[in-house]
PDB file of N, CA and C in Angstrom:
ATOM      1  N   MET A   1      98.023  53.923 -75.884  1.00  0.00           N
ATOM      2  CA  MET A   1      96.867  53.058 -76.814  1.00  0.00           C
ATOM      3  C   MET A   1      97.245  53.967 -78.046  1.00  0.00           C
ATOM      4  N   PHE A   2      96.649  55.462 -77.992  1.00  0.00           N
ATOM      5  CA  PHE A   2      96.701  56.540 -79.043  1.00  0.00           C
ATOM      6  C   PHE A   2      97.630  57.047 -79.096  1.00  0.00           C
ATOM      7  N   ASN A   3      98.140  56.923 -79.954  1.00  0.00           N
ATOM      8  CA  ASN A   3     100.235  57.505 -80.125  1.00  0.00           C
ATOM      9  C   ASN A   3      99.542  58.273 -81.367  1.00  0.00           C
ATOM     10  N   SER A   4      99.089  58.667 -81.948  1.00  0.00           N
ATOM     11  CA  SER A   4      99.269  58.906 -83.531  1.00  0.00           C
ATOM     12  C   SER A   4      99.340  60.425 -82.908  1.00  0.00           C
ATOM     13  N   PRO A   5      99.693  61.682 -84.029  1.00  0.00           N
ATOM     14  CA  PRO A   5     100.196  62.664 -83.798  1.00  0.00           C
ATOM     15  C   PRO A   5      99.449  64.091 -83.615  1.00  0.00           C
ATOM     16  N   LEU A   6      98.122  63.023 -83.808  1.00  0.00           N
ATOM     17  CA  LEU A   6      97.121  64.053 -83.337  1.00  0.00           C
ATOM     18  C   LEU A   6      96.806  64.139 -81.726  1.00  0.00           C
ATOM     19  N   PHE A   7      96.470  62.814 -81.386  1.00  0.00           N
ATOM     20  CA  PHE A   7      96.847  62.586 -79.947  1.00  0.00           C
ATOM     21  C   PHE A   7      97.547  63.365 -79.131  1.00  0.00           C
ATOM     22  N   ARG A   8      98.671  63.728 -79.574  1.00  0.00           N
ATOM     23  CA  ARG A   8     100.337  63.952 -78.460  1.00  0.00           C
ATOM     24  C   ARG A   8      99.813  65.480 -78.921  1.00  0.00           C
ATOM     25  N   LEU A   9      99.806  66.187 -79.942  1.00  0.00           N
ATOM     26  CA  LEU A   9      99.242  67.224 -79.909  1.00  0.00           C
ATOM     27  C   LEU A   9      98.019  67.915 -78.920  1.00  0.00           C
ATOM     28  N   ALA A  10      96.925  67.422 -78.732  1.00  0.00           N
ATOM     29  CA  ALA A  10      95.861  67.282 -78.082  1.00  0.00           C
ATOM     30  C   ALA A  10      96.804  67.735 -76.118  1.00  0.00           C
ATOM     31  N   ASP A  11      97.033  66.492 -76.867  1.00  0.00           N
ATOM     32  CA  ASP A  11      97.692  66.148 -75.395  1.00  0.00           C
ATOM     33  C   ASP A  11      98.402  67.300 -74.600  1.00  0.00           C
ATOM     34  N   ARG A  12      99.948  67.689 -75.786  1.00  0.00           N
ATOM     35  CA  ARG A  12     100.313  68.830 -75.470  1.00  0.00           C
ATOM     36  C   ARG A  12      99.844  70.704 -75.276  1.00  0.00           C
ATOM     37  N   TYR A  13      98.598  70.620 -75.830  1.00  0.00           N
ATOM     38  CA  TYR A  13      98.241  71.688 -76.264  1.00  0.00           C
ATOM     39  C   TYR A  13      96.646  71.638 -75.636  1.00  0.00           C
ATOM     40  N   PRO A  14      96.029  71.664 -74.721  1.00  0.00           N
ATOM     41  CA  PRO A  14      94.688  70.878 -74.281  1.00  0.00           C
ATOM     42  C   PRO A  14      93.669  72.472 -75.256  1.00  0.00           C
ATOM     43  N   ALA A  15      94.409  73.553 -74.581  1.00  0.00           N
ATOM     44  CA  ALA A  15      93.624  74.380 -74.937  1.00  0.00           C
ATOM     45  C   ALA A  15      93.254  75.142 -76.139  1.00  0.00           C
ATOM     46  N   LEU A  16      94.595  74.456 -77.480  1.00  0.00           N
ATOM     47  CA  LEU A  16      94.348  74.730 -78.498  1.00  0.00           C
ATOM     48  C   LEU A  16      92.801  74.267 -79.353  1.00  0.00           C
ATOM     49  N   ASP A  17      91.714  75.392 -79.452  1.00  0.00           N
ATOM     50  CA  ASP A  17      90.669  74.652 -79.933  1.00  0.00           C
ATOM     51  C   ASP A  17      90.781  75.714 -81.588  1.00  0.00           C
ATOM     52  N   LEU A  18      89.423  75.183 -81.834  1.00  0.00           N
ATOM     53  CA  LEU A  18      89.233  75.882 -83.276  1.00  0.00           C
ATOM     54  C   LEU A  18      89.659  77.057 -83.974  1.00  0.00           C
ATOM     55  N   ILE A  19      89.181  78.001 -83.132  1.00  0.00           N
ATOM     56  CA  ILE A  19      89.961  79.304 -83.248  1.00  0.00           C
ATOM     57  C   ILE A  19      91.162  79.607 -82.883  1.00  0.00           C
ATOM     58  N   LYS A  20      91.510  79.072 -82.282  1.00  0.00           N
ATOM     59  CA  LYS A  20      92.969  79.298 -82.081  1.00  0.00           C
ATOM     60  C   LYS A  20      93.700  78.870 -83.139  1.00  0.00           C
ATOM     61  N   LEU A  21      93.315  77.294 -83.616  1.00  0.00           N
ATOM     62  CA  LEU A  21      93.924  77.270 -84.868  1.00  0.00           C
ATOM     63  C   LEU A  21      93.608  77.721 -85.791  1.00  0.00           C
ATOM     64  N   LYS A  22      92.532  78.514 -86.060  1.00  0.00           N
ATOM     65  CA  LYS A  22      92.780  79.127 -87.290  1.00  0.00           C
ATOM     66  C   LYS A  22      93.499  80.227 -87.557  1.00  0.00           C
ATOM     67  N   ILE A  23      93.512  81.037 -86.780  1.00  0.00           N
ATOM     68  CA  ILE A  23      93.858  82.261 -85.934  1.00  0.00           C
ATOM     69  C   ILE A  23      95.693  81.821 -86.093  1.00  0.00           C
ATOM     70  N   LEU A  24      96.195  80.650 -85.901  1.00  0.00           N
ATOM     71  CA  LEU A  24      97.314  80.149 -86.104  1.00  0.00           C
ATOM     72  C   LEU A  24      98.043  80.055 -87.613  1.00  0.00           C
ATOM     73  N   ALA A  25      96.503  79.730 -88.436  1.00  0.00           N
ATOM     74  CA  ALA A  25      96.676  79.511 -89.655  1.00  0.00           C
ATOM     75  C   ALA A  25      96.820  80.582 -90.676  1.00  0.00           C
ATOM     76  N   MET A  26      96.357  81.529 -90.083  1.00  0.00           N
ATOM     77  CA  MET A  26      95.645  83.052 -90.569  1.00  0.00           C
ATOM     78  C   MET A  26      97.410  83.443 -90.622  1.00  0.00           C
ATOM     79  N   VAL A  27      98.550  83.466 -89.437  1.00  0.00           N
ATOM     80  CA  VAL A  27      99.541  84.421 -89.098  1.00  0.00           C
ATOM     81  C   VAL A  27     100.724  83.371 -90.031  1.00  0.00           C
ATOM     82  N   ALA A  28     100.198  82.109 -89.984  1.00  0.00           N
ATOM     83  CA  ALA A  28     101.238  81.361 -90.850  1.00  0.00           C
ATOM     84  C   ALA A  28     101.192  81.734 -92.632  1.00  0.00           C
ATOM     85  N   ASP A  29      99.599  81.969 -93.368  1.00  0.00           N
ATOM     86  CA  ASP A  29      99.554  82.800 -94.364  1.00  0.00           C
ATOM     87  C   ASP A  29      99.965  84.246 -94.874  1.00  0.00           C
ATOM     88  N   TYR A  30      99.840  84.767 -93.782  1.00  0.00           N
ATOM     89  CA  TYR A  30      99.822  86.464 -94.023  1.00  0.00           C
ATOM     90  C   TYR A  30     100.861  86.217 -92.680  1.00  0.00           C
ATOM     91  N   GLU A  31     102.605  86.287 -92.712  1.00  0.00           N
ATOM     92  CA  GLU A  31     103.180  86.565 -91.091  1.00  0.00           C
ATOM     93  C   GLU A  31     103.026  88.599 -91.276  1.00  0.00           C
ATOM     94  N   GLY A  32     102.928  88.979 -89.904  1.00  0.00           N
ATOM     95  CA  GLY A  32     102.645  90.021 -89.534  1.00  0.00           C
ATOM     96  C   GLY A  32     101.179  90.537 -89.687  1.00  0.00           C
ATOM     97  N   ALA A  33     100.707  89.617 -89.918  1.00  0.00           N
ATOM     98  CA  ALA A  33      98.775  90.336 -89.324  1.00  0.00           C
ATOM     99  C   ALA A  33      98.935  90.252 -88.449  1.00  0.00           C
ATOM    100  N   ALA A  34      97.762  91.669 -88.768  1.00  0.00           N
ATOM    101  CA  ALA A  34      97.113  92.539 -87.027  1.00  0.00           C
ATOM    102  C   ALA A  34      96.230  91.881 -87.176  1.00  0.00           C
ATOM    103  N   ILE A  35      95.756  92.181 -85.599  1.00  0.00           N
ATOM    104  CA  ILE A  35      94.662  91.434 -84.670  1.00  0.00           C
ATOM    105  C   ILE A  35      93.346  91.696 -85.580  1.00  0.00           C
ATOM    106  N   CYS A  36      93.132  92.889 -86.008  1.00  0.00           N
ATOM    107  CA  CYS A  36      92.254  93.747 -86.814  1.00  0.00           C
ATOM    108  C   CYS A  36      91.848  93.109 -87.613  1.00  0.00           C
ATOM    109  N   ASP A  37      92.448  93.340 -88.355  1.00  0.00           N
ATOM    110  CA  ASP A  37      92.157  92.115 -89.778  1.00  0.00           C
ATOM    111  C   ASP A  37      92.138  90.894 -89.498  1.00  0.00           C
ATOM    112  N   ILE A  38      92.337  89.800 -88.258  1.00  0.00           N
ATOM    113  CA  ILE A  38      92.360  88.740 -87.915  1.00  0.00           C
ATOM    114  C   ILE A  38      90.541  88.929 -86.863  1.00  0.00           C
ATOM    115  N   ALA A  39      90.610  89.299 -86.773  1.00  0.00           N
ATOM    116  CA  ALA A  39      88.871  90.230 -85.770  1.00  0.00           C
ATOM    117  C   ALA A  39      87.976  90.207 -87.268  1.00  0.00           C
ATOM    118  N   ALA A  40      87.886  90.792 -87.959  1.00  0.00           N
ATOM    119  CA  ALA A  40      87.203  91.236 -89.608  1.00  0.00           C
ATOM    120  C   ALA A  40      87.108  89.799 -90.248  1.00  0.00           C
ATOM    121  N   GLU A  41      88.407  88.899 -90.703  1.00  0.00           N
ATOM    122  CA  GLU A  41      88.378  88.092 -91.180  1.00  0.00           C
ATOM    123  C   GLU A  41      87.423  86.690 -90.733  1.00  0.00           C
ATOM    124  N   LEU A  42      87.459  86.359 -89.250  1.00  0.00           N
ATOM    125  CA  LEU A  42      86.533  85.509 -88.786  1.00  0.00           C
ATOM    126  C   LEU A  42      85.277  85.705 -88.016  1.00  0.00           C
ATOM    127  N   ALA A  43      85.267  87.602 -88.341  1.00  0.00           N
ATOM    128  CA  ALA A  43      83.697  88.002 -88.167  1.00  0.00           C
ATOM    129  C   ALA A  43      83.188  87.379 -86.364  1.00  0.00           C
ATOM    130  N   MET A  44      84.765  88.310 -85.716  1.00  0.00           N
ATOM    131  CA  MET A  44      84.124  88.360 -84.042  1.00  0.00           C
ATOM    132  C   MET A  44      84.938  89.565 -83.617  1.00  0.00           C
ATOM    133  N   PRO A  45      84.607  89.555 -82.550  1.00  0.00           N
ATOM    134  CA  PRO A  45      84.547  90.626 -81.898  1.00  0.00           C
ATOM    135  C   PRO A  45      86.475  90.942 -82.412  1.00  0.00           C
ATOM    136  N   HIS A  46      86.998  92.471 -81.636  1.00  0.00           N
ATOM    137  CA  HIS A  46      88.912  92.726 -81.836  1.00  0.00           C
ATOM    138  C   HIS A  46      88.821  91.866 -80.368  1.00  0.00           C
ATOM    139  N   THR A  47      88.090  92.259 -79.058  1.00  0.00           N
ATOM    140  CA  THR A  47      88.910  92.328 -77.978  1.00  0.00           C
ATOM    141  C   THR A  47      88.820  90.421 -77.456  1.00  0.00           C
ATOM    142  N   GLU A  48      88.025  89.737 -78.618  1.00  0.00           N
ATOM    143  CA  GLU A  48      87.852  88.019 -78.135  1.00  0.00           C
ATOM    144  C   GLU A  48      89.276  87.313 -79.066  1.00  0.00           C
ATOM    145  N   VAL A  49      89.294  88.178 -80.189  1.00  0.00           N
ATOM    146  CA  VAL A  49      90.464  87.610 -81.033  1.00  0.00           C
ATOM    147  C   VAL A  49      91.842  88.573 -80.157  1.00  0.00           C
ATOM    148  N   GLN A  50      91.815  89.168 -79.799  1.00  0.00           N
ATOM    149  CA  GLN A  50      92.884  89.926 -78.372  1.00  0.00           C
ATOM    150  C   GLN A  50      92.891  88.957 -77.352  1.00  0.00           C
ATOM    151  N   HIS A  51      92.265  88.396 -76.913  1.00  0.00           N
ATOM    152  CA  HIS A  51      92.121  87.042 -75.860  1.00  0.00           C
ATOM    153  C   HIS A  51      92.604  85.780 -76.374  1.00  0.00           C
ATOM    154  N   GLN A  52      92.719  85.463 -77.801  1.00  0.00           N
ATOM    155  CA  GLN A  52      92.956  83.801 -78.010  1.00  0.00           C
ATOM    156  C   GLN A  52      94.209  84.559 -78.719  1.00  0.00           C
ATOM    157  N   VAL A  53      95.021  85.581 -79.155  1.00  0.00           N
ATOM    158  CA  VAL A  53      95.939  86.028 -79.575  1.00  0.00           C
ATOM    159  C   VAL A  53      97.085  86.042 -78.287  1.00  0.00           C
ATOM    160  N   ALA A  54      96.527  86.436 -77.177  1.00  0.00           N
ATOM    161  CA  ALA A  54      97.056  86.334 -76.033  1.00  0.00           C
ATOM    162  C   ALA A  54      97.466  85.130 -74.985  1.00  0.00           C
ATOM    163  N   MET A  55      96.573  83.955 -75.474  1.00  0.00           N
ATOM    164  CA  MET A  55      96.613  82.896 -75.239  1.00  0.00           C
ATOM    165  C   MET A  55      98.002  81.775 -76.107  1.00  0.00           C
ATOM    166  N   LEU A  56      97.395  82.709 -77.369  1.00  0.00           N
ATOM    167  CA  LEU A  56      98.802  81.888 -78.378  1.00  0.00           C
ATOM    168  C   LEU A  56     100.154  82.356 -77.953  1.00  0.00           C
ATOM    169  N   ALA A  57     100.280  83.528 -77.606  1.00  0.00           N
ATOM    170  CA  ALA A  57     101.245  83.586 -77.259  1.00  0.00           C
ATOM    171  C   ALA A  57     101.807  84.004 -75.903  1.00  0.00           C
ATOM    172  N   LYS A  58     102.662  84.689 -75.258  1.00  0.00           N
ATOM    173  CA  LYS A  58     103.161  84.643 -73.601  1.00  0.00           C
ATOM    174  C   LYS A  58     101.847  84.709 -72.857  1.00  0.00           C
ATOM    175  N   GLY A  59     100.432  84.799 -72.554  1.00  0.00           N
ATOM    176  CA  GLY A  59      99.121  84.922 -71.638  1.00  0.00           C
ATOM    177  C   GLY A  59      99.149  85.879 -71.473  1.00  0.00           C
ATOM    178  N   ARG A  60      98.212  86.242 -70.943  1.00  0.00           N
ATOM    179  CA  ARG A  60      97.876  87.847 -70.363  1.00  0.00           C
ATOM    180  C   ARG A  60      98.267  87.774 -69.266  1.00  0.00           C
ATOM    181  N   ARG A  61      98.375  89.213 -68.717  1.00  0.00           N
ATOM    182  CA  ARG A  61      98.766  90.234 -67.803  1.00  0.00           C
ATOM    183  C   ARG A  61      98.686  89.303 -66.736  1.00  0.00           C
ATOM    184  N   GLY A  62      99.416  88.331 -65.746  1.00  0.00           N
ATOM    185  CA  GLY A  62      98.750  87.732 -64.496  1.00  0.00           C
ATOM    186  C   GLY A  62      98.844  86.597 -64.888  1.00  0.00           C
ATOM    187  N   ARG A  63      98.810  86.218 -65.609  1.00  0.00           N
ATOM    188  CA  ARG A  63      98.467  84.583 -66.350  1.00  0.00           C
ATOM    189  C   ARG A  63      99.077  84.240 -67.183  1.00  0.00           C
ATOM    190  N   GLU A  64     100.461  84.847 -67.460  1.00  0.00           N
ATOM    191  CA  GLU A  64     101.603  84.192 -68.174  1.00  0.00           C
ATOM    192  C   GLU A  64     101.772  82.968 -68.241  1.00  0.00           C
ATOM    193  N   LYS A  65     101.352  82.163 -66.923  1.00  0.00           N
ATOM    194  CA  LYS A  65     101.737  80.815 -66.896  1.00  0.00           C
ATOM    195  C   LYS A  65     100.812  80.188 -68.177  1.00  0.00           C
ATOM    196  N   HIS A  66      99.855  80.198 -68.752  1.00  0.00           N
ATOM    197  CA  HIS A  66      98.703  79.882 -69.183  1.00  0.00           C
ATOM    198  C   HIS A  66      99.403  80.502 -70.858  1.00  0.00           C
ATOM    199  N   GLY A  67     100.122  81.225 -71.242  1.00  0.00           N
ATOM    200  CA  GLY A  67     100.864  81.307 -72.402  1.00  0.00           C
ATOM    201  C   GLY A  67     100.944  79.773 -73.280  1.00  0.00           C
ATOM    202  N   MET A  68     100.814  79.993 -74.470  1.00  0.00           N
ATOM    203  CA  MET A  68     101.501  78.945 -74.887  1.00  0.00           C
ATOM    204  C   MET A  68     102.680  79.066 -75.512  1.00  0.00           C
ATOM    205  N   ASP A  69     102.813  80.492 -75.726  1.00  0.00           N
ATOM    206  CA  ASP A  69     104.247  80.789 -76.601  1.00  0.00           C
ATOM    207  C   ASP A  69     104.560  80.411 -77.728  1.00  0.00           C
ATOM    208  N   LEU A  70     103.328  80.025 -79.086  1.00  0.00           N
ATOM    209  CA  LEU A  70     103.259  80.065 -79.968  1.00  0.00           C
ATOM    210  C   LEU A  70     102.906  81.335 -80.836  1.00  0.00           C
ATOM    211  N   LEU A  71     103.245  82.683 -80.525  1.00  0.00           N
ATOM    212  CA  LEU A  71     103.192  83.368 -81.305  1.00  0.00           C
ATOM    213  C   LEU A  71     103.414  84.391 -80.477  1.00  0.00           C
ATOM    214  N   MET A  72     104.447  85.503 -82.243  1.00  0.00           N
ATOM    215  CA  MET A  72     105.325  86.584 -81.352  1.00  0.00           C
ATOM    216  C   MET A  72     104.457  87.900 -81.761  1.00  0.00           C
ATOM    217  N   VAL A  73     104.088  88.628 -80.670  1.00  0.00           N
ATOM    218  CA  VAL A  73     103.141  89.614 -80.752  1.00  0.00           C
ATOM    219  C   VAL A  73     103.874  91.194 -80.826  1.00  0.00           C
ATOM    220  N   GLY A  74     104.027  92.002 -81.911  1.00  0.00           N
ATOM    221  CA  GLY A  74     104.755  92.816 -81.729  1.00  0.00           C
ATOM    222  C   GLY A  74     103.938  94.223 -81.952  1.00  0.00           C
ATOM    223  N   ALA A  75     104.843  95.994 -82.312  1.00  0.00           N
ATOM    224  CA  ALA A  75     103.957  96.119 -82.723  1.00  0.00           C
ATOM    225  C   ALA A  75     104.231  96.821 -84.643  1.00  0.00           C
ATOM    226  N   ASP A  76     103.618  96.541 -85.502  1.00  0.00           N
ATOM    227  CA  ASP A  76     103.777  97.624 -86.778  1.00  0.00           C
ATOM    228  C   ASP A  76     104.746  98.148 -86.862  1.00  0.00           C
ATOM    229  N   PRO A  77     105.874  98.182 -87.652  1.00  0.00           N
ATOM    230  CA  PRO A  77     106.639  99.427 -88.061  1.00  0.00           C
ATOM    231  C   PRO A  77     106.585 100.326 -88.608  1.00  0.00           C
ATOM    232  N   TYR A  78     105.179  99.899 -89.783  1.00  0.00           N
ATOM    233  CA  TYR A  78     104.606 101.366 -90.122  1.00  0.00           C
ATOM    234  C   TYR A  78     103.796 101.773 -89.625  1.00  0.00           C
ATOM    235  N   ASP A  79     102.630 101.110 -88.261  1.00  0.00           N
ATOM    236  CA  ASP A  79     101.760 102.124 -87.837  1.00  0.00           C
ATOM    237  C   ASP A  79     101.659 101.759 -86.600  1.00  0.00           C
ATOM    238  N   LYS A  80     102.362 102.056 -85.636  1.00  0.00           N
ATOM    239  CA  LYS A  80     102.259 102.251 -84.432  1.00  0.00           C
ATOM    240  C   LYS A  80     100.847 101.450 -83.628  1.00  0.00           C
ATOM    241  N   ARG A  81      99.781 102.514 -83.903  1.00  0.00           N
ATOM    242  CA  ARG A  81      98.451 102.033 -83.554  1.00  0.00           C
ATOM    243  C   ARG A  81      98.366  99.816 -83.719  1.00  0.00           C
ATOM    244  N   ARG A  82      99.078  99.265 -84.487  1.00  0.00           N
ATOM    245  CA  ARG A  82      98.367  97.976 -85.158  1.00  0.00           C
ATOM    246  C   ARG A  82      99.654  97.316 -84.497  1.00  0.00           C
ATOM    247  N   THR A  83      99.155  96.045 -84.238  1.00  0.00           N
ATOM    248  CA  THR A  83      99.751  95.031 -83.576  1.00  0.00           C
ATOM    249  C   THR A  83      99.760  93.987 -84.423  1.00  0.00           C
ATOM    250  N   SER A  84     101.431  93.345 -84.704  1.00  0.00           N
ATOM    251  CA  SER A  84     102.301  92.701 -85.543  1.00  0.00           C
ATOM    252  C   SER A  84     102.379  90.904 -85.074  1.00  0.00           C
ATOM    253  N   LEU A  85     101.532  90.264 -86.310  1.00  0.00           N
ATOM    254  CA  LEU A  85     101.504  89.103 -85.062  1.00  0.00           C
ATOM    255  C   LEU A  85     102.890  87.970 -86.269  1.00  0.00           C
ATOM    256  N   ARG A  86     103.112  87.118 -85.470  1.00  0.00           N
ATOM    257  CA  ARG A  86     104.411  86.303 -86.041  1.00  0.00           C
ATOM    258  C   ARG A  86     104.609  84.530 -85.294  1.00  0.00           C
ATOM    259  N   LEU A  87     104.583  84.140 -86.335  1.00  0.00           N
ATOM    260  CA  LEU A  87     104.531  82.466 -85.467  1.00  0.00           C
ATOM    261  C   LEU A  87     106.076  82.262 -84.850  1.00  0.00           C
ATOM    262  N   THR A  88     106.303  82.175 -83.627  1.00  0.00           N
ATOM    263  CA  THR A  88     107.131  81.548 -83.168  1.00  0.00           C
ATOM    264  C   THR A  88     108.092  80.307 -83.958  1.00  0.00           C
ATOM    265  N   LYS A  89     109.246  79.817 -83.180  1.00  0.00           N
ATOM    266  CA  LYS A  89     109.805  78.541 -83.692  1.00  0.00           C
ATOM    267  C   LYS A  89     108.608  77.556 -83.342  1.00  0.00           C
ATOM    268  N   LYS A  90     108.314  77.589 -82.293  1.00  0.00           N
ATOM    269  CA  LYS A  90     107.219  76.598 -81.754  1.00  0.00           C
ATOM    270  C   LYS A  90     106.039  76.790 -82.688  1.00  0.00           C
ATOM    271  N   GLY A  91     105.496  78.125 -82.657  1.00  0.00           N
ATOM    272  CA  GLY A  91     104.282  77.820 -83.956  1.00  0.00           C
ATOM    273  C   GLY A  91     104.002  77.239 -84.761  1.00  0.00           C
ATOM    274  N   TRP A  92     105.006  77.302 -85.497  1.00  0.00           N
ATOM    275  CA  TRP A  92     105.781  76.927 -86.761  1.00  0.00           C
ATOM    276  C   TRP A  92     105.588  75.473 -86.757  1.00  0.00           C
ATOM    277  N   THR A  93     106.821  74.842 -85.721  1.00  0.00           N
ATOM    278  CA  THR A  93     106.085  73.520 -85.583  1.00  0.00           C
ATOM    279  C   THR A  93     104.483  73.098 -85.070  1.00  0.00           C
ATOM    280  N   VAL A  94     104.056  73.476 -84.704  1.00  0.00           N
ATOM    281  CA  VAL A  94     102.351  73.107 -84.325  1.00  0.00           C
ATOM    282  C   VAL A  94     101.761  73.699 -85.482  1.00  0.00           C
ATOM    283  N   PHE A  95     102.052  74.247 -86.290  1.00  0.00           N
ATOM    284  CA  PHE A  95     101.309  74.424 -87.474  1.00  0.00           C
ATOM    285  C   PHE A  95     101.947  73.544 -88.988  1.00  0.00           C
ATOM    286  N   GLN A  96     103.015  72.958 -88.676  1.00  0.00           N
ATOM    287  CA  GLN A  96     103.279  72.280 -89.520  1.00  0.00           C
ATOM    288  C   GLN A  96     103.171  70.532 -89.250  1.00  0.00           C
ATOM    289  N   THR A  97     102.744  70.554 -87.921  1.00  0.00           N
ATOM    290  CA  THR A  97     102.118  69.013 -87.350  1.00  0.00           C
ATOM    291  C   THR A  97     100.714  68.983 -88.256  1.00  0.00           C
ATOM    292  N   ILE A  98     100.104  69.976 -87.550  1.00  0.00           N
ATOM    293  CA  ILE A  98      98.612  70.245 -88.373  1.00  0.00           C
ATOM    294  C   ILE A  98      98.730  70.618 -89.627  1.00  0.00           C
ATOM    295  N   LYS A  99      99.538  71.058 -90.591  1.00  0.00           N
ATOM    296  CA  LYS A  99      99.236  70.396 -92.111  1.00  0.00           C
ATOM    297  C   LYS A  99      99.316  69.398 -92.052  1.00  0.00           C
ATOM    298  N   VAL A 100     100.168  68.156 -91.647  1.00  0.00           N
ATOM    299  CA  VAL A 100     100.852  67.067 -92.127  1.00  0.00           C
ATOM    300  C   VAL A 100      99.164  66.149 -91.790  1.00  0.00           C
ATOM    301  N   LEU A 101      98.750  66.566 -90.599  1.00  0.00           N
ATOM    302  CA  LEU A 101      97.513  65.949 -90.282  1.00  0.00           C
ATOM    303  C   LEU A 101      96.353  65.894 -90.690  1.00  0.00           C
ATOM    304  N   THR A 102      96.340  67.184 -91.674  1.00  0.00           N
ATOM    305  CA  THR A 102      95.355  67.501 -92.446  1.00  0.00           C
ATOM    306  C   THR A 102      95.338  67.790 -93.944  1.00  0.00           C
ATOM    307  N   GLY A 103      95.933  66.838 -94.536  1.00  0.00           N
ATOM    308  CA  GLY A 103      96.749  66.818 -95.997  1.00  0.00           C
ATOM    309  C   GLY A 103      96.979  67.964 -96.706  1.00  0.00           C
ATOM    310  N   GLU A 104      97.135  68.754 -96.068  1.00  0.00           N
ATOM    311  CA  GLU A 104      97.366  69.655 -96.584  1.00  0.00           C
ATOM    312  C   GLU A 104      98.666  69.759 -96.846  1.00  0.00           C
TER     313      GLU A 104
END
């Protein structure tokens, strides 16, 4: 009955909530963003953002099957203490779909 892109996106990624969408948008706008920068921007605890990023990426250790594979997490080349985030190809596809749906 409902075959819009929004419903297909919701069916495919049921765990993609508003916080995860905000994180995806921030990483799309600032490729290589760090978890601490996102946490400060969203006024959220670093550990909560870290958990959300893990779910957007490959999942948490021991729970990899729950990962969405929308983000790549790597070390910052200039500061090894920071984590650098990038969208995967799949992440860019999801982000572009969301941009079309929101009219941006």
